[in-house]
Amino acid sequence: MKKTACLILLMVASISFAQVKLEGMVTDSVKVPFELANVIAINQATRGLESYGITNPQGKFTLDLGANGTYEIQVSYVGMTTFKEILSTKEIDIVKDYILQPENALDEVELIYEMPVSIQGDTVVYNADSFNTGTERKLEDVLENLPGVEINEDGQIEVEGKVVNKLMVNGKDFFDGDTKLATKNIPSKAVDKIQVLRNYSEVGQMSSVRNNQDNIALNIKLKEGKENFWFGDVTAGAGAAPDNELYILQPKLFYYSPKYSLNFIGDLNNTGEVALTRRDIRGFGGGFRAPSNSSGTDVNLGDNSLNFLTSQGNAIEIENKLATGNFSYSPNKGLDLSGFVIYNSSRILSRETSFVQYTNPDLGIPDEATEQSSRERSNQALMKLSASYQPNINNQLDYDILGRISNDSQNQNNFSSVIGNTTQLEEVSPFSINQNINYYYTLGETNIFAFEAQHLLKNEDPFYNAVLINNPNGDDAFDTTADALGLDTSLSTYNLGQNRRIISNQVDAKLDYYKILNGKSNLNLTLGTILSRQEFNSNIFQFLLDGSQFNPTPTINNGLAVNDTEYNFSDIYLGLHYRLKTGVFTITPGFSVHAYGNKNIQFGETFEDNFFRLLPDFETRIQFKKSESLTVNYAMRNQFTDVTRLAEGLVLNNFNSIQFGTPDLQNALSHNVSMLYSSFNLFNYTNVFARAAYTSNIDQVRSLTNFDNVIRTSTFFNSNFADENVSIVGRVQRTFGKVQSSLNANFNYSKINQFIQGQQSVNEGFTQTYTPGIRTNFKVAPNINLTYRHSVTNNNQGSRETKFITNAPSAEFDAYIWKSVTLRSNYTYTNQDLGNGSSQSFQNWDASLAYRKDSDAKWEYEVKATNILDIDSQVRNSANNLSVFTSEIFIQPRFLTFRIVYTL
């Protein structure tokens, strides 16, 4: 790896020595500099774009050119006549200024070479072909070439450090802005321009009165000829593996016209290629945003879906089925209709071994070695319909409805060095319906009204069953817990079952009034409410040998093994905010006053808590330049828990984790401070962003945990011990000609107060990660992307300290050979130092070789190999506030597939 890195650095150095620099200024006839003027150099020998630059506020530019070459220099600026000249270079740098003359409207407009990057107000426009090298196949390949744009580990698009929360194609929503479906499926050949829309507002009336600095949207402009025609591709393939025959079928079809669009994405394979993971589907919000997001109130309705053993991608066998459809229709200029449907099905076989060391050996909790295998089945479906009606610029009405349903199950076999063998079954078939209605009305030039309301209905029904071996005549590790649960201990097995049902019904609505005081300030008055109702029922039972059910009476928790709880929450609030622009500052101080009501009823007893609270917030944005800013935020937030932590009866999270709630739990209060710095400099091709955040939970709702062997029993209480978290994330990216260098850094510190076996202790964790990288973007030469991730994790848990050090160099290689063959390969070596003199390592290597006659060919043939080194497993080490965890996750063996791709 070191030799490869040195070779790349030598190659980069040799290229640098063969270059000369052209720099100067662009002004008018009286020496007034032009900011954001375009300067490009076209190689006269190849007729290709050699270099480009954009002037800074002082009118300065710089271009990197090859020595001893001839170039056509083009200098342009809006409203000025484009200047052209032929320039020959030798082996010394050149300093040259350019003066532009006003454009004569009668002159014929001559098209010049298209700029790779241009800035139009708050919009940055990238010309895709200027960055493509020929190996790109999907949108994500195009985006990764662009300066300032990155695909993060979760598959989300980040621009200048901010996650893109909306993606459109030709101005039409693509699956309501989901970026992962777009990046993985839209063909690169269809992409003409990528427009980065900064300070994006979906409602034009709100753009002048709300702070939209963190809102980033992408609009993908299609190439000419892609409208009114179907485009896309269909991939079919087969392959071989040690135990299975492999198959893959992936149709991806798109149709766009000025009035409507249709998209279909399908995926059927058993190769482990996951278009959307289960977590992606659960997190697919469909563009919904709670109106109370900025109110200072956080209401947790809980998540009672299955906690699958492993994430998709880390398993022995993976079978996926995906079918999605998306449409948009504009019958007239004032009405837009859209919607989507998604069906996702997966079948997964996984296996994992682990070793768990608990935080404090003095507490008598034994260390535990486990081996788990699991068969997982998940079927998920979503459907959304949306309508937006805007008859004129003063009125806009939006309505959305999103329904989701799933049917998930998991069968586990678990061997524990403490408990022995256990089989477990978990099933859940939840559904939810989410509706959203927004109305925006402008009354005159200085008065704007906005009404936003959302209703959520959610029904969850998890079922849990566990079977443990029991020796009726001897002592087992589970016996004490069985006695506490009131089980029949005379049987050869403990066959536990639990039914739960959680029904959540919530309305979240607010009315905003904006008074525009003048061109630099406005006042915002908010009246809002959150009304929530949750019903929770559960019962624990034991299956007897004859198949009947025995309802136990526990010897703990006052004998409560069932729950019948009703929880009602209300928040009525009034908010006031003032927004002022002065110079480079935009200041938005404000506060909200809340009247809270909490009431839960269980076992004929009512617990009620009503109170008032003032929650201040503050935001300041400093706009140093058009592309450089600093934003500082402070907010006090009030957090409310869900019904399961209030319910008094016993609940089985699984056989070794039991909880019971506390009905008089209070809210938790937190202070939140964040800073975001962003700089996007096209003059010297440098992009910098840094984000820092601090959170202090001053009266956190926390668990009181007790262990019997490794059986965990938890209840909850409010504690005045403050938990704290500090995170700092930053990235610096600089482009030198065709070479891009970057450095990502991440720091996180957390302090958590924990209560185990009646003892309070502080868990402190500190993680620091550094990822330097260098990549090339040559048009004809092979390209390489080298990264090195160095991560150090320190944990101080009670009387035990741990330290993990991870080093992971990786290399990606791609080459476009003879304009017909594409070779791509990626390799990663991961080494984890456990801090005790031992270390673990594993490698990942994938590669593919594809042939198409030329870039316009309809057919492409590809051979793809994954896990070339046939690694059996990957290792993972982690620590939390209770334990230190070391695991080995078994993965798919070496796969070799042959694929045919047909492009429409």
Foldseek 3Di string as FASTA:
>chain_A
DVVVVVVVVVVVVVQQQQKAKEKEFEEAPVQQGDFQKKKWKAFPVVRHTQWIFTAHNNRMFMTIGGAQGKIWIWIDDPQWDIDIDIDGHHNYYHYDYHHTHGDDPPDDDDDDDDDQWGDDFQKIKGFQVNQDQQQAFFQLVSQCSDFQWDQDPVRFIGGLNATAQAEEEPPHGDLLRDRLLRRVFHTPQFFGMKMKHALDDPAPVCSQPDRSRRHIYIYTYTDPPQAPDKWGWWKWWWFDAPPDTWIKIWGWIKYHYPFKIKTKIKIWIWPLDDSAWPVNQVPSPSNDDFPCPPAQEAEDADDDDDPDPDTRFQAAIKTKIKIKMKMWGHPDPFKIKIKMKIKIKMWTKWKKWKWWDWQDVVQVADIKTKIKIKIKIKIKMKMKIKMWGDPDSFKIKIKMKMKMWMWIKMWMWMAMPAQGTKIKIKIKIKMKMKMKIKMWGDDPDFKIKIKIKMKMKIKMKMKMKMKGAADLVDDGLCVVVCQQQQHDRNDRIWIKIKIKMKIKIKMWIKMWMWGHPDSFKIKIKMKIKMKMKMWMKMAMWTQDPVRDIHGGQGPPLNRFRIWTKMKIKMKIKMKIWMWGDDDQKTKIWIKMKIWIWIWMDTPRDIAIDTDIDIKIKIKMKGPPDSFKIKIKIKIKHKYDYHVQQQTSHWDPPDSQEIEGHNNHADIWIKIKIKMKIWGQDSSQSKTKIKMKMKMKTQWDWDWAWEDSRRRIYIHIHTDRPIKMKIKMWMKMWGDDRFKIKMKIKIKMWIWDWYHYPNDIDIKIKIKIKMKIKMWGRDNAAKIKIKIWIWMWMWMNAPPDIWIKIKIKIKMWIWHQPPQFKIKIKIKIKIKMDGPPPDIDIDMWIKIKMKGDPHSPGFKMKMKIKTQVVFDQWDWDWDDDNTITMIMTIGRYGIIIMIMMMGID
